[in-house]
Amino acid sequence: MKSKNIFIARPKTADQINALKAFMQALKIKYEISTEEHYNAEFVKKILESKKQITEGKFTDVKPKALTSFIEDL
C-alpha cells in the first residue's frame, strides 16, 4: 500500500534521532534521513528580493494603528 502521507520530524539530539530510527524500524516503516535543508526555490527568490528591497529603502512602513486603513486602501 502506498501512502500519500509524509511526516517530517526535526530531532534535536542524538537520543531523539536514535529513538525515531528504532520506532520506524520496529514498525517496519521505510524512512530516509536527509541532512539538507529544502526550500521552495521560488519562495527563496521572493525572500531574497524582499531583503534587497528593504536594504534599498523600497518598502512602506505601516504603524499598527494604521494597519486596518492601509489594508482597506489596497
Protein backbone atom coordinates (compact mmCIF):
# COMPACT_ATOMS: atom_id res chain seq x y z
CA MET A 1 0.00 0.00 0.00
CA LYS A 2 1.37 3.39 -0.98
CA SER A 3 0.70 6.30 1.36
CA LYS A 4 0.33 9.94 0.44
CA ASN A 5 1.27 10.98 3.97
CA ILE A 6 4.68 12.45 4.63
CA PHE A 7 5.89 13.08 8.15
CA ILE A 8 8.74 15.47 8.81
CA ALA A 9 10.45 15.28 12.19
CA ARG A 10 13.26 17.54 13.32
CA PRO A 11 15.05 15.83 16.18
CA LYS A 12 17.49 17.99 18.08
CA THR A 13 19.57 15.38 19.90
CA ALA A 14 21.26 12.09 19.09
CA ASP A 15 18.89 10.36 21.54
CA GLN A 16 15.89 11.67 19.61
CA ILE A 17 17.41 10.52 16.32
CA ASN A 18 18.06 7.04 17.70
CA ALA A 19 14.56 6.82 19.19
CA LEU A 20 12.96 7.76 15.87
CA LYS A 21 15.09 5.22 13.99
CA ALA A 22 14.19 2.49 16.48
CA PHE A 23 10.50 3.35 16.29
CA MET A 24 10.44 3.27 12.49
CA GLN A 25 12.39 0.03 12.36
CA ALA A 26 10.13 -1.61 14.97
CA LEU A 27 7.06 -0.79 12.87
CA LYS A 28 8.87 -1.73 9.64
CA ILE A 29 8.27 1.72 8.19
CA LYS A 30 10.61 2.77 5.39
CA TYR A 31 12.29 6.07 6.08
CA GLU A 32 15.10 8.23 4.82
CA ILE A 33 17.29 10.75 6.57
CA SER A 34 18.24 13.98 4.87
CA THR A 35 20.71 16.49 6.25
CA GLU A 36 19.92 19.07 3.59
CA GLU A 37 17.59 22.00 4.05
CA HIS A 38 14.94 22.06 1.35
CA TYR A 39 13.12 25.23 0.49
CA ASN A 40 10.94 26.03 -2.49
CA ALA A 41 13.22 27.88 -4.93
CA GLU A 42 10.51 30.39 -5.83
CA PHE A 43 9.96 31.16 -2.14
CA VAL A 44 13.69 31.73 -1.59
CA LYS A 45 13.79 34.03 -4.62
CA LYS A 46 10.92 36.13 -3.21
CA ILE A 47 12.53 36.38 0.22
CA LEU A 48 15.87 37.47 -1.25
CA GLU A 49 14.13 40.07 -3.41
CA SER A 50 12.28 41.40 -0.35
CA LYS A 51 15.53 41.66 1.60
CA LYS A 52 17.08 43.58 -1.29
CA GLN A 53 14.11 45.98 -1.41
CA ILE A 54 14.38 46.65 2.31
CA THR A 55 18.10 47.46 2.06
CA GLU A 56 17.32 49.82 -0.82
CA GLY A 57 14.61 51.52 1.23
CA LYS A 58 11.85 50.35 -1.12
CA PHE A 59 9.22 49.48 1.46
CA THR A 60 6.23 51.02 3.21
CA ASP A 61 6.30 51.39 6.97
CA VAL A 62 2.82 50.94 8.44
CA LYS A 63 2.16 51.70 12.10
CA PRO A 64 -0.04 49.14 13.90
CA LYS A 65 -2.82 51.70 14.48
CA ALA A 66 -2.96 52.45 10.73
CA LEU A 67 -2.88 48.81 9.59
CA THR A 68 -6.64 48.43 9.05
CA SER A 69 -6.93 51.55 6.91
CA PHE A 70 -3.76 50.57 5.00
CA ILE A 71 -5.27 47.18 4.11
CA GLU A 72 -8.63 48.72 3.18
CA ASP A 73 -6.84 51.11 0.79
CA LEU A 74 -5.13 48.30 -1.10
